[in-house]
Every structure is written in C-alpha cells, then in structure tokens.
Amino acid sequence: MSAGTVELLRQRLAVLQPDSIAIIDNSHRHAGHAGARDGGHYQLQIVAQAFAGKSTMARHRMIYDAAGDLMRGRIHALSIRAEVPGEV
C-alpha cells in the first residue's frame, strides 16, 4: 500500500512544479495506532517556487489541495516541510 501511496502523492504534487521532493513512509512506526488501519503516516519535504510569498498555512493548503482524496483515505498523517528555493 505505502509504495503506491508515495508514488500517487508524488504525482499529485507535480502540479506545484517542485524543484525537489522527498517523501518518507513512517507508517511502520505507527503500527497498532488507531489511525494506522485507515491510512499511512508520511513525512514530506518539498521545495517549490509556488510557495513564494505564502504563509505556512497557505503552503499546507496548497499541498492538501494537490493531494486531494489521498488525505481522506490513504494518508492518515502528513508531516510537511514546504520551502521556496532560497529557504533551503
């Protein structure tokens, strides 16, 4: 399940035209956690010019919008680090 989810998330985030993107599946750390049955736990590091001038909340909303229904099913938790190229 998780490898497919990582690839789907990567494909959906392509709309943000990222300079770099890293997605780490941390689902194994949450085995037995109530939400672990319904979706995985992931860590996202993304660098994109699309985030320029946007607040942290606005950046996260952009990511959630791009991820779409993955956030309501295959992804239970998503830790996000979203930056523009000059912030890295």
N, C-alpha and C. Protein backbone atom coordinates (compact mmCIF):
# COMPACT_ATOMS: atom_id res chain seq x y z
N MET A 1 0.81 -1.19 0.00
CA MET A 1 0.00 0.00 0.00
C MET A 1 0.85 1.25 0.00
N SER A 2 1.87 1.34 0.85
CA SER A 2 2.59 2.60 1.05
C SER A 2 3.40 3.03 -0.18
N ALA A 3 4.02 2.08 -0.90
CA ALA A 3 4.79 2.47 -2.08
C ALA A 3 3.88 3.09 -3.13
N GLY A 4 2.69 2.55 -3.28
CA GLY A 4 1.72 3.12 -4.20
C GLY A 4 1.25 4.49 -3.77
N THR A 5 1.07 4.67 -2.47
CA THR A 5 0.64 5.96 -1.94
C THR A 5 1.72 7.00 -2.14
N VAL A 6 2.96 6.65 -1.90
CA VAL A 6 4.07 7.59 -2.10
C VAL A 6 4.12 8.04 -3.56
N GLU A 7 3.98 7.12 -4.47
CA GLU A 7 4.03 7.47 -5.89
C GLU A 7 2.83 8.33 -6.30
N LEU A 8 1.65 7.98 -5.80
CA LEU A 8 0.46 8.79 -6.09
C LEU A 8 0.62 10.22 -5.55
N LEU A 9 1.14 10.34 -4.33
CA LEU A 9 1.34 11.66 -3.75
C LEU A 9 2.36 12.45 -4.57
N ARG A 10 3.42 11.81 -4.97
CA ARG A 10 4.44 12.47 -5.80
C ARG A 10 3.82 12.97 -7.12
N GLN A 11 2.98 12.14 -7.73
CA GLN A 11 2.33 12.53 -8.98
C GLN A 11 1.39 13.72 -8.77
N ARG A 12 0.65 13.70 -7.69
CA ARG A 12 -0.30 14.79 -7.43
C ARG A 12 0.41 16.10 -7.11
N LEU A 13 1.54 16.01 -6.42
CA LEU A 13 2.28 17.23 -6.05
C LEU A 13 3.03 17.83 -7.23
N ALA A 14 3.12 17.09 -8.34
CA ALA A 14 3.80 17.60 -9.53
C ALA A 14 3.15 18.89 -10.04
N VAL A 15 1.88 19.10 -9.73
CA VAL A 15 1.19 20.32 -10.14
C VAL A 15 1.84 21.57 -9.53
N LEU A 16 2.57 21.41 -8.43
CA LEU A 16 3.27 22.52 -7.78
C LEU A 16 4.64 22.77 -8.40
N GLN A 17 5.01 21.98 -9.37
CA GLN A 17 6.29 22.07 -10.07
C GLN A 17 7.46 22.16 -9.08
N PRO A 18 7.60 21.16 -8.23
CA PRO A 18 8.66 21.21 -7.21
C PRO A 18 10.07 21.12 -7.80
N ASP A 19 10.98 21.87 -7.18
CA ASP A 19 12.40 21.75 -7.51
C ASP A 19 12.95 20.45 -6.92
N SER A 20 12.44 20.10 -5.74
CA SER A 20 12.81 18.83 -5.12
C SER A 20 11.66 18.36 -4.24
N ILE A 21 11.61 17.06 -4.07
CA ILE A 21 10.56 16.46 -3.25
C ILE A 21 11.09 15.17 -2.65
N ALA A 22 10.84 14.98 -1.36
CA ALA A 22 11.21 13.74 -0.69
C ALA A 22 10.01 13.33 0.16
N ILE A 23 9.62 12.07 0.03
CA ILE A 23 8.51 11.53 0.80
C ILE A 23 9.01 10.30 1.52
N ILE A 24 8.89 10.32 2.83
CA ILE A 24 9.34 9.20 3.66
C ILE A 24 8.12 8.55 4.30
N ASP A 25 8.03 7.24 4.16
CA ASP A 25 6.93 6.47 4.74
C ASP A 25 7.32 6.08 6.17
N ASN A 26 6.63 6.65 7.14
CA ASN A 26 6.87 6.33 8.55
C ASN A 26 5.78 5.44 9.13
N SER A 27 5.00 4.81 8.28
CA SER A 27 3.85 4.02 8.73
C SER A 27 4.25 2.91 9.70
N HIS A 28 5.40 2.31 9.49
CA HIS A 28 5.84 1.21 10.34
C HIS A 28 6.02 1.65 11.80
N ARG A 29 6.27 2.93 12.03
CA ARG A 29 6.43 3.45 13.39
C ARG A 29 5.10 3.56 14.13
N HIS A 30 4.01 3.44 13.40
CA HIS A 30 2.69 3.67 13.99
C HIS A 30 1.83 2.42 13.99
N ALA A 31 2.45 1.27 13.85
CA ALA A 31 1.70 0.01 13.87
C ALA A 31 0.93 -0.08 15.18
N GLY A 32 -0.33 -0.42 15.08
CA GLY A 32 -1.18 -0.52 16.27
C GLY A 32 -1.89 0.77 16.61
N HIS A 33 -1.45 1.89 16.05
CA HIS A 33 -2.10 3.18 16.27
C HIS A 33 -3.47 3.13 15.60
N ALA A 34 -4.47 3.72 16.23
CA ALA A 34 -5.84 3.63 15.72
C ALA A 34 -5.95 4.06 14.26
N GLY A 35 -5.31 5.15 13.88
CA GLY A 35 -5.41 5.64 12.50
C GLY A 35 -4.58 4.85 11.51
N ALA A 36 -3.67 4.02 11.99
CA ALA A 36 -2.78 3.29 11.10
C ALA A 36 -3.54 2.29 10.22
N ARG A 37 -4.71 1.88 10.66
CA ARG A 37 -5.50 0.95 9.86
C ARG A 37 -6.07 1.62 8.61
N ASP A 38 -6.38 2.90 8.74
CA ASP A 38 -7.08 3.60 7.68
C ASP A 38 -6.17 4.33 6.70
N GLY A 39 -4.93 4.55 7.06
CA GLY A 39 -4.02 5.25 6.17
C GLY A 39 -2.64 5.32 6.79
N GLY A 40 -1.66 5.68 5.95
CA GLY A 40 -0.29 5.70 6.40
C GLY A 40 0.14 7.04 6.97
N HIS A 41 1.34 7.02 7.54
CA HIS A 41 1.97 8.20 8.12
C HIS A 41 3.19 8.54 7.26
N TYR A 42 3.24 9.77 6.78
CA TYR A 42 4.29 10.17 5.84
C TYR A 42 4.93 11.49 6.25
N GLN A 43 6.17 11.65 5.84
CA GLN A 43 6.91 12.89 6.04
C GLN A 43 7.24 13.44 4.66
N LEU A 44 6.91 14.72 4.43
CA LEU A 44 7.11 15.34 3.13
C LEU A 44 8.04 16.54 3.26
N GLN A 45 9.04 16.57 2.41
CA GLN A 45 9.92 17.73 2.26
C GLN A 45 9.82 18.14 0.81
N ILE A 46 9.35 19.38 0.58
CA ILE A 46 9.13 19.84 -0.79
C ILE A 46 9.63 21.27 -0.92
N VAL A 47 10.32 21.51 -2.02
CA VAL A 47 10.82 22.85 -2.35
C VAL A 47 10.20 23.24 -3.68
N ALA A 48 9.49 24.39 -3.68
CA ALA A 48 8.82 24.84 -4.90
C ALA A 48 8.69 26.36 -4.90
N GLN A 49 8.90 26.94 -6.03
CA GLN A 49 8.74 28.39 -6.19
C GLN A 49 7.27 28.79 -5.96
N ALA A 50 6.36 27.86 -6.15
CA ALA A 50 4.93 28.13 -5.97
C ALA A 50 4.61 28.59 -4.55
N PHE A 51 5.49 28.32 -3.59
CA PHE A 51 5.25 28.70 -2.20
C PHE A 51 5.71 30.13 -1.89
N ALA A 52 6.35 30.78 -2.84
CA ALA A 52 6.89 32.13 -2.60
C ALA A 52 5.78 33.08 -2.15
N GLY A 53 6.05 33.81 -1.07
CA GLY A 53 5.11 34.79 -0.57
C GLY A 53 3.93 34.21 0.18
N LYS A 54 3.90 32.90 0.37
CA LYS A 54 2.79 32.23 1.05
C LYS A 54 3.15 31.91 2.50
N SER A 55 2.17 31.99 3.38
CA SER A 55 2.36 31.60 4.78
C SER A 55 2.48 30.08 4.86
N THR A 56 2.89 29.61 6.01
CA THR A 56 2.98 28.16 6.23
C THR A 56 1.62 27.51 6.02
N MET A 57 0.57 28.11 6.57
CA MET A 57 -0.77 27.55 6.41
C MET A 57 -1.19 27.50 4.94
N ALA A 58 -0.89 28.56 4.19
CA ALA A 58 -1.25 28.59 2.77
C ALA A 58 -0.49 27.51 2.01
N ARG A 59 0.77 27.31 2.35
CA ARG A 59 1.57 26.26 1.70
C ARG A 59 0.97 24.89 1.97
N HIS A 60 0.58 24.66 3.21
CA HIS A 60 -0.01 23.38 3.58
C HIS A 60 -1.32 23.17 2.84
N ARG A 61 -2.13 24.22 2.74
CA ARG A 61 -3.39 24.11 2.00
C ARG A 61 -3.14 23.74 0.54
N MET A 62 -2.12 24.33 -0.06
CA MET A 62 -1.77 24.01 -1.45
C MET A 62 -1.44 22.52 -1.58
N ILE A 63 -0.71 22.01 -0.61
CA ILE A 63 -0.32 20.59 -0.63
C ILE A 63 -1.55 19.70 -0.43
N TYR A 64 -2.40 20.04 0.55
CA TYR A 64 -3.62 19.26 0.79
C TYR A 64 -4.53 19.28 -0.43
N ASP A 65 -4.65 20.44 -1.07
CA ASP A 65 -5.48 20.53 -2.28
C ASP A 65 -4.93 19.64 -3.39
N ALA A 66 -3.61 19.66 -3.56
CA ALA A 66 -2.99 18.83 -4.60
C ALA A 66 -3.15 17.34 -4.28
N ALA A 67 -3.02 16.98 -3.01
CA ALA A 67 -3.14 15.57 -2.60
C ALA A 67 -4.57 15.07 -2.74
N GLY A 68 -5.53 15.97 -2.59
CA GLY A 68 -6.93 15.62 -2.76
C GLY A 68 -7.41 14.50 -1.86
N ASP A 69 -8.07 13.51 -2.46
CA ASP A 69 -8.69 12.44 -1.69
C ASP A 69 -7.69 11.52 -0.99
N LEU A 70 -6.41 11.62 -1.31
CA LEU A 70 -5.42 10.82 -0.58
C LEU A 70 -5.42 11.20 0.90
N MET A 71 -5.73 12.49 1.18
CA MET A 71 -5.73 12.97 2.56
C MET A 71 -6.94 12.45 3.34
N ARG A 72 -7.92 11.93 2.66
CA ARG A 72 -9.11 11.42 3.33
C ARG A 72 -9.17 9.89 3.30
N GLY A 73 -8.07 9.27 2.99
CA GLY A 73 -8.10 7.81 2.92
C GLY A 73 -6.74 7.19 3.10
N ARG A 74 -5.91 7.27 2.09
CA ARG A 74 -4.63 6.57 2.11
C ARG A 74 -3.60 7.23 3.00
N ILE A 75 -3.80 8.51 3.31
CA ILE A 75 -2.87 9.23 4.20
C ILE A 75 -3.61 9.60 5.48
N HIS A 76 -3.13 9.08 6.59
CA HIS A 76 -3.70 9.42 7.90
C HIS A 76 -3.00 10.64 8.49
N ALA A 77 -1.67 10.69 8.32
CA ALA A 77 -0.88 11.79 8.88
C ALA A 77 0.21 12.18 7.88
N LEU A 78 0.40 13.50 7.73
CA LEU A 78 1.41 14.01 6.81
C LEU A 78 2.16 15.14 7.49
N SER A 79 3.42 14.91 7.77
CA SER A 79 4.30 15.94 8.32
C SER A 79 4.90 16.69 7.14
N ILE A 80 4.77 18.02 7.14
CA ILE A 80 5.15 18.80 5.96
C ILE A 80 6.23 19.82 6.28
N ARG A 81 7.24 19.85 5.41
CA ARG A 81 8.22 20.92 5.39
C ARG A 81 8.21 21.45 3.95
N ALA A 82 7.62 22.64 3.78
CA ALA A 82 7.44 23.23 2.45
C ALA A 82 8.21 24.54 2.38
N GLU A 83 9.14 24.62 1.45
CA GLU A 83 10.01 25.79 1.34
C GLU A 83 10.13 26.25 -0.11
N VAL A 84 10.55 27.52 -0.26
CA VAL A 84 10.92 28.03 -1.59
C VAL A 84 12.43 27.82 -1.72
N PRO A 85 12.97 27.82 -2.92
CA PRO A 85 14.40 27.54 -3.12
C PRO A 85 15.35 28.35 -2.23
N GLY A 86 15.10 29.60 -1.99
CA GLY A 86 16.00 30.40 -1.16
C GLY A 86 15.96 30.08 0.32
N GLU A 87 14.96 29.34 0.76
CA GLU A 87 14.83 29.00 2.18
C GLU A 87 15.58 27.73 2.57
N VAL A 88 16.00 26.98 1.61
CA VAL A 88 16.63 25.68 1.90
C VAL A 88 17.98 25.88 2.53
